[in-house]
Structures are given as C-alpha cells and as structure tokens.
C-alpha cells in the first residue's frame, strides 16, 4: 500500500542522487528511468535494481563515507 495520496505526483530524482526505495527499504544512487521504471544502484557499486517511481523518495539524511 502506498503512502502517497491520490493525485500526488511521484518524486523525480536527478541522476546521481541518493534515493530511498520504500518497497525494499534500500538506498541507492538514481541512474535513469527506462520503460517507466527507475534504475538504482548501491552506493558502493554493484548490480542495479529497478523501482517503481511511486516507491522512490529522497534518502533520509544519513552519514556518508568517502
């Protein structure tokens, strides 16, 4: 069940932005939208996964290490 109200547009991230996939609880770097799905990858690298645009929000403030 989505927490968004009807008629509220989905969040539109920018390439390279850290986002939260609410469906999985994972954070990832937004890469692109293809075929209506957002492509995200783990911060440290690895395999991308897809997320529905309605399930993606800006990542909460978390400490990040270089």
Protein backbone atom coordinates (compact mmCIF):
# COMPACT_ATOMS: atom_id res chain seq x y z
CA UNK A 1 0.00 0.00 0.00
CA UNK A 2 1.40 3.39 -0.99
CA UNK A 3 1.60 6.26 1.47
CA UNK A 4 1.09 8.80 -1.32
CA UNK A 5 -2.29 10.38 -1.69
CA UNK A 6 -4.16 10.10 -4.94
CA UNK A 7 -3.10 12.77 -7.40
CA UNK A 8 0.25 13.42 -5.71
CA UNK A 9 2.98 13.22 -8.37
CA UNK A 10 5.86 10.79 -7.83
CA UNK A 11 9.19 12.24 -6.73
CA UNK A 12 11.52 12.87 -9.71
CA UNK A 13 15.17 12.37 -8.72
CA UNK A 14 18.21 13.70 -10.59
CA UNK A 15 20.94 11.41 -11.95
CA UNK A 16 23.48 10.65 -9.22
CA UNK A 17 21.09 11.46 -6.36
CA UNK A 18 20.86 9.17 -3.34
CA UNK A 19 17.27 7.95 -3.01
CA UNK A 20 15.24 5.55 -0.88
CA UNK A 21 13.33 2.64 -2.43
CA UNK A 22 10.49 2.39 0.09
CA UNK A 23 9.42 -1.02 -1.22
CA UNK A 24 12.74 -2.65 -0.31
CA UNK A 25 13.98 -0.19 2.31
CA UNK A 26 17.26 0.16 0.42
CA UNK A 27 19.02 3.36 -0.54
CA UNK A 28 20.70 3.66 -3.90
CA UNK A 29 22.01 6.07 -6.48
CA UNK A 30 19.41 7.02 -9.08
CA UNK A 31 20.77 6.29 -12.56
CA UNK A 32 17.90 6.75 -15.06
CA UNK A 33 14.28 5.98 -15.86
CA UNK A 34 13.71 3.49 -18.65
CA UNK A 35 10.37 1.98 -19.58
CA UNK A 36 8.66 3.67 -16.65
CA UNK A 37 10.99 2.17 -14.01
CA UNK A 38 13.74 3.91 -12.06
CA UNK A 39 17.13 2.20 -12.16
CA UNK A 40 19.08 2.40 -8.90
CA UNK A 41 22.49 1.04 -7.90
CA UNK A 42 24.08 0.51 -4.50
CA UNK A 43 26.27 3.38 -3.26
CA UNK A 44 29.37 1.19 -3.17
CA UNK A 45 28.74 -0.21 -6.66
CA UNK A 46 27.12 -3.44 -7.69
CA UNK A 47 24.11 -4.59 -9.61
CA UNK A 48 21.35 -2.15 -10.40
CA UNK A 49 17.76 -2.84 -9.46
CA UNK A 50 14.51 -1.31 -10.60
CA UNK A 51 11.97 0.57 -8.54
CA UNK A 52 8.57 1.93 -9.39
CA UNK A 53 8.61 5.75 -9.42
CA UNK A 54 5.85 5.88 -6.79
CA UNK A 55 8.09 3.99 -4.34
CA UNK A 56 11.11 6.32 -4.58
CA UNK A 57 11.77 9.27 -2.25
CA UNK A 58 14.84 11.35 -1.39
CA UNK A 59 17.07 9.40 1.00
CA UNK A 60 16.83 10.44 4.63
CA UNK A 61 19.86 12.28 5.98
CA UNK A 62 22.42 9.62 6.78
CA UNK A 63 26.17 9.86 7.36
CA UNK A 64 28.09 9.05 4.18
CA UNK A 65 31.67 7.95 3.96
CA UNK A 66 34.03 8.62 1.03
